[in-house]
């Protein structure tokens, strides 16, 4: 059985400005590496511009067998 898990990381940058900070890149890398150690594989990601309660963020989806 395949399981999927989605998470949102809040970010300050706007996709058009491409002004992501080193701290935000590190936060994203840390999350991907933590989930990988737990057996999750990265499936997809998407930028969300001011998405309701989440604000701006990156939606990340992982899967695990």
N, C-alpha and C. Protein backbone atom coordinates (compact mmCIF):
# COMPACT_ATOMS: atom_id res chain seq x y z
N UNK A 1 0.84 -1.19 0.00
CA UNK A 1 0.00 0.00 0.00
C UNK A 1 0.89 1.25 0.00
N UNK A 2 0.57 2.18 -0.86
CA UNK A 2 1.30 3.45 -0.93
C UNK A 2 0.58 4.47 -0.08
N UNK A 3 1.34 5.20 0.74
CA UNK A 3 0.79 6.30 1.54
C UNK A 3 1.38 7.60 1.02
N UNK A 4 0.59 8.66 1.08
CA UNK A 4 1.04 9.99 0.68
C UNK A 4 0.93 10.94 1.86
N UNK A 5 1.84 11.91 1.91
CA UNK A 5 1.86 12.90 2.99
C UNK A 5 2.18 14.25 2.35
N UNK A 6 1.38 15.25 2.64
CA UNK A 6 1.63 16.60 2.12
C UNK A 6 1.87 17.55 3.26
N UNK A 7 2.79 18.48 3.05
CA UNK A 7 3.14 19.48 4.06
C UNK A 7 3.29 20.83 3.37
N UNK A 8 3.13 21.88 4.15
CA UNK A 8 3.31 23.24 3.63
C UNK A 8 4.40 23.93 4.45
N UNK A 9 5.34 24.54 3.76
CA UNK A 9 6.36 25.38 4.40
C UNK A 9 6.02 26.81 4.04
N UNK A 10 5.87 27.66 5.03
CA UNK A 10 5.62 29.08 4.77
C UNK A 10 6.90 29.74 4.29
N UNK A 11 6.79 30.61 3.31
CA UNK A 11 7.95 31.33 2.76
C UNK A 11 7.61 32.80 2.61
N UNK A 12 8.64 33.62 2.60
CA UNK A 12 8.42 35.06 2.51
C UNK A 12 8.51 35.57 1.07
N UNK A 13 9.12 34.80 0.18
CA UNK A 13 9.36 35.30 -1.17
C UNK A 13 8.13 35.19 -2.06
N UNK A 14 8.15 36.00 -3.11
CA UNK A 14 7.13 35.92 -4.17
C UNK A 14 7.81 35.27 -5.36
N UNK A 15 7.13 34.34 -5.98
CA UNK A 15 7.74 33.56 -7.06
C UNK A 15 8.28 34.45 -8.18
N UNK A 16 7.60 35.54 -8.48
CA UNK A 16 8.05 36.41 -9.57
C UNK A 16 9.36 37.12 -9.23
N UNK A 17 9.58 37.38 -7.94
CA UNK A 17 10.79 38.08 -7.53
C UNK A 17 11.96 37.14 -7.35
N UNK A 18 11.69 35.86 -7.16
CA UNK A 18 12.74 34.85 -6.96
C UNK A 18 13.71 35.31 -5.87
N UNK A 19 13.19 35.78 -4.76
CA UNK A 19 14.04 36.29 -3.69
C UNK A 19 14.06 35.36 -2.48
N UNK A 20 14.15 34.07 -2.72
CA UNK A 20 14.20 33.11 -1.64
C UNK A 20 15.51 33.31 -0.86
N UNK A 21 15.42 33.15 0.45
CA UNK A 21 16.61 33.36 1.29
C UNK A 21 17.35 32.04 1.50
N UNK A 22 18.59 32.14 1.90
CA UNK A 22 19.38 30.95 2.22
C UNK A 22 18.71 30.17 3.35
N UNK A 23 18.13 30.88 4.31
CA UNK A 23 17.44 30.23 5.43
C UNK A 23 16.25 29.40 4.94
N UNK A 24 15.49 29.94 3.99
CA UNK A 24 14.34 29.21 3.44
C UNK A 24 14.79 27.99 2.64
N UNK A 25 15.88 28.10 1.90
CA UNK A 25 16.42 26.95 1.18
C UNK A 25 16.86 25.88 2.16
N UNK A 26 17.53 26.27 3.23
CA UNK A 26 17.98 25.31 4.24
C UNK A 26 16.79 24.62 4.90
N UNK A 27 15.73 25.38 5.21
CA UNK A 27 14.53 24.80 5.82
C UNK A 27 13.91 23.75 4.90
N UNK A 28 13.86 24.05 3.61
CA UNK A 28 13.30 23.11 2.64
C UNK A 28 14.18 21.86 2.54
N UNK A 29 15.49 22.05 2.42
CA UNK A 29 16.42 20.91 2.38
C UNK A 29 16.32 20.05 3.63
N UNK A 30 16.25 20.69 4.79
CA UNK A 30 16.15 19.96 6.06
C UNK A 30 14.89 19.10 6.10
N UNK A 31 13.76 19.66 5.65
CA UNK A 31 12.51 18.90 5.64
C UNK A 31 12.62 17.69 4.71
N UNK A 32 13.13 17.91 3.50
CA UNK A 32 13.26 16.80 2.54
C UNK A 32 14.18 15.72 3.11
N UNK A 33 15.29 16.11 3.70
CA UNK A 33 16.23 15.14 4.27
C UNK A 33 15.64 14.40 5.46
N UNK A 34 14.90 15.09 6.32
CA UNK A 34 14.25 14.42 7.46
C UNK A 34 13.25 13.38 6.98
N UNK A 35 12.42 13.77 6.01
CA UNK A 35 11.41 12.84 5.51
C UNK A 35 12.07 11.66 4.79
N UNK A 36 13.16 11.91 4.09
CA UNK A 36 13.87 10.83 3.42
C UNK A 36 14.38 9.80 4.44
N UNK A 37 14.92 10.25 5.56
CA UNK A 37 15.38 9.35 6.62
C UNK A 37 14.24 8.54 7.21
N UNK A 38 13.01 9.07 7.13
CA UNK A 38 11.82 8.37 7.63
C UNK A 38 11.23 7.43 6.57
N UNK A 39 11.86 7.38 5.40
CA UNK A 39 11.39 6.49 4.35
C UNK A 39 10.47 7.12 3.33
N UNK A 40 10.28 8.44 3.38
CA UNK A 40 9.40 9.14 2.44
C UNK A 40 10.20 9.58 1.23
N UNK A 41 9.60 9.47 0.04
CA UNK A 41 10.20 9.95 -1.21
C UNK A 41 9.45 11.18 -1.68
N UNK A 42 10.19 12.18 -2.14
CA UNK A 42 9.58 13.40 -2.67
C UNK A 42 8.85 13.07 -3.97
N UNK A 43 7.59 13.47 -4.06
CA UNK A 43 6.78 13.20 -5.26
C UNK A 43 6.58 14.48 -6.06
N UNK A 44 6.20 15.55 -5.38
CA UNK A 44 5.87 16.79 -6.09
C UNK A 44 5.97 17.97 -5.15
N UNK A 45 6.11 19.14 -5.72
CA UNK A 45 6.06 20.37 -4.94
C UNK A 45 5.44 21.46 -5.80
N UNK A 46 4.87 22.45 -5.15
CA UNK A 46 4.26 23.56 -5.87
C UNK A 46 4.30 24.81 -5.00
N UNK A 47 4.55 25.94 -5.62
CA UNK A 47 4.49 27.23 -4.92
C UNK A 47 3.04 27.64 -4.78
N UNK A 48 2.66 28.11 -3.61
CA UNK A 48 1.30 28.61 -3.38
C UNK A 48 1.39 30.07 -2.99
N UNK A 49 0.89 30.94 -3.84
CA UNK A 49 0.92 32.37 -3.55
C UNK A 49 -0.29 32.79 -2.73
N UNK A 50 -0.06 33.21 -1.50
CA UNK A 50 -1.12 33.67 -0.61
C UNK A 50 -2.34 32.74 -0.63
N UNK A 51 -2.13 31.49 -0.25
CA UNK A 51 -3.17 30.46 -0.30
C UNK A 51 -3.96 30.40 1.01
N UNK A 52 -4.94 31.25 1.14
CA UNK A 52 -5.85 31.21 2.29
C UNK A 52 -5.15 31.28 3.62
N UNK A 53 -5.43 30.32 4.49
CA UNK A 53 -4.88 30.31 5.85
C UNK A 53 -3.37 30.07 5.88
N UNK A 54 -2.80 29.51 4.81
CA UNK A 54 -1.39 29.18 4.80
C UNK A 54 -0.51 30.36 4.44
N UNK A 55 -1.05 31.36 3.78
CA UNK A 55 -0.21 32.44 3.26
C UNK A 55 0.59 31.91 2.09
N UNK A 56 1.73 32.55 1.80
CA UNK A 56 2.61 32.04 0.75
C UNK A 56 3.33 30.83 1.27
N UNK A 57 3.47 29.82 0.43
CA UNK A 57 4.17 28.64 0.88
C UNK A 57 4.52 27.70 -0.25
N UNK A 58 5.18 26.63 0.12
CA UNK A 58 5.50 25.56 -0.81
C UNK A 58 4.79 24.31 -0.31
N UNK A 59 3.93 23.75 -1.14
CA UNK A 59 3.24 22.51 -0.84
C UNK A 59 4.14 21.39 -1.33
N UNK A 60 4.48 20.47 -0.43
CA UNK A 60 5.40 19.37 -0.74
C UNK A 60 4.67 18.06 -0.47
N UNK A 61 4.72 17.14 -1.42
CA UNK A 61 4.07 15.84 -1.25
C UNK A 61 5.11 14.73 -1.32
N UNK A 62 5.01 13.83 -0.35
CA UNK A 62 5.91 12.68 -0.26
C UNK A 62 5.08 11.40 -0.37
N UNK A 63 5.73 10.29 -0.72
CA UNK A 63 5.05 9.00 -0.70
C UNK A 63 5.96 7.97 -0.05
N UNK A 64 5.32 6.92 0.48
CA UNK A 64 6.04 5.83 1.13
C UNK A 64 5.28 4.54 0.86
N UNK A 65 6.02 3.49 0.55
CA UNK A 65 5.41 2.17 0.34
C UNK A 65 5.00 1.59 1.68
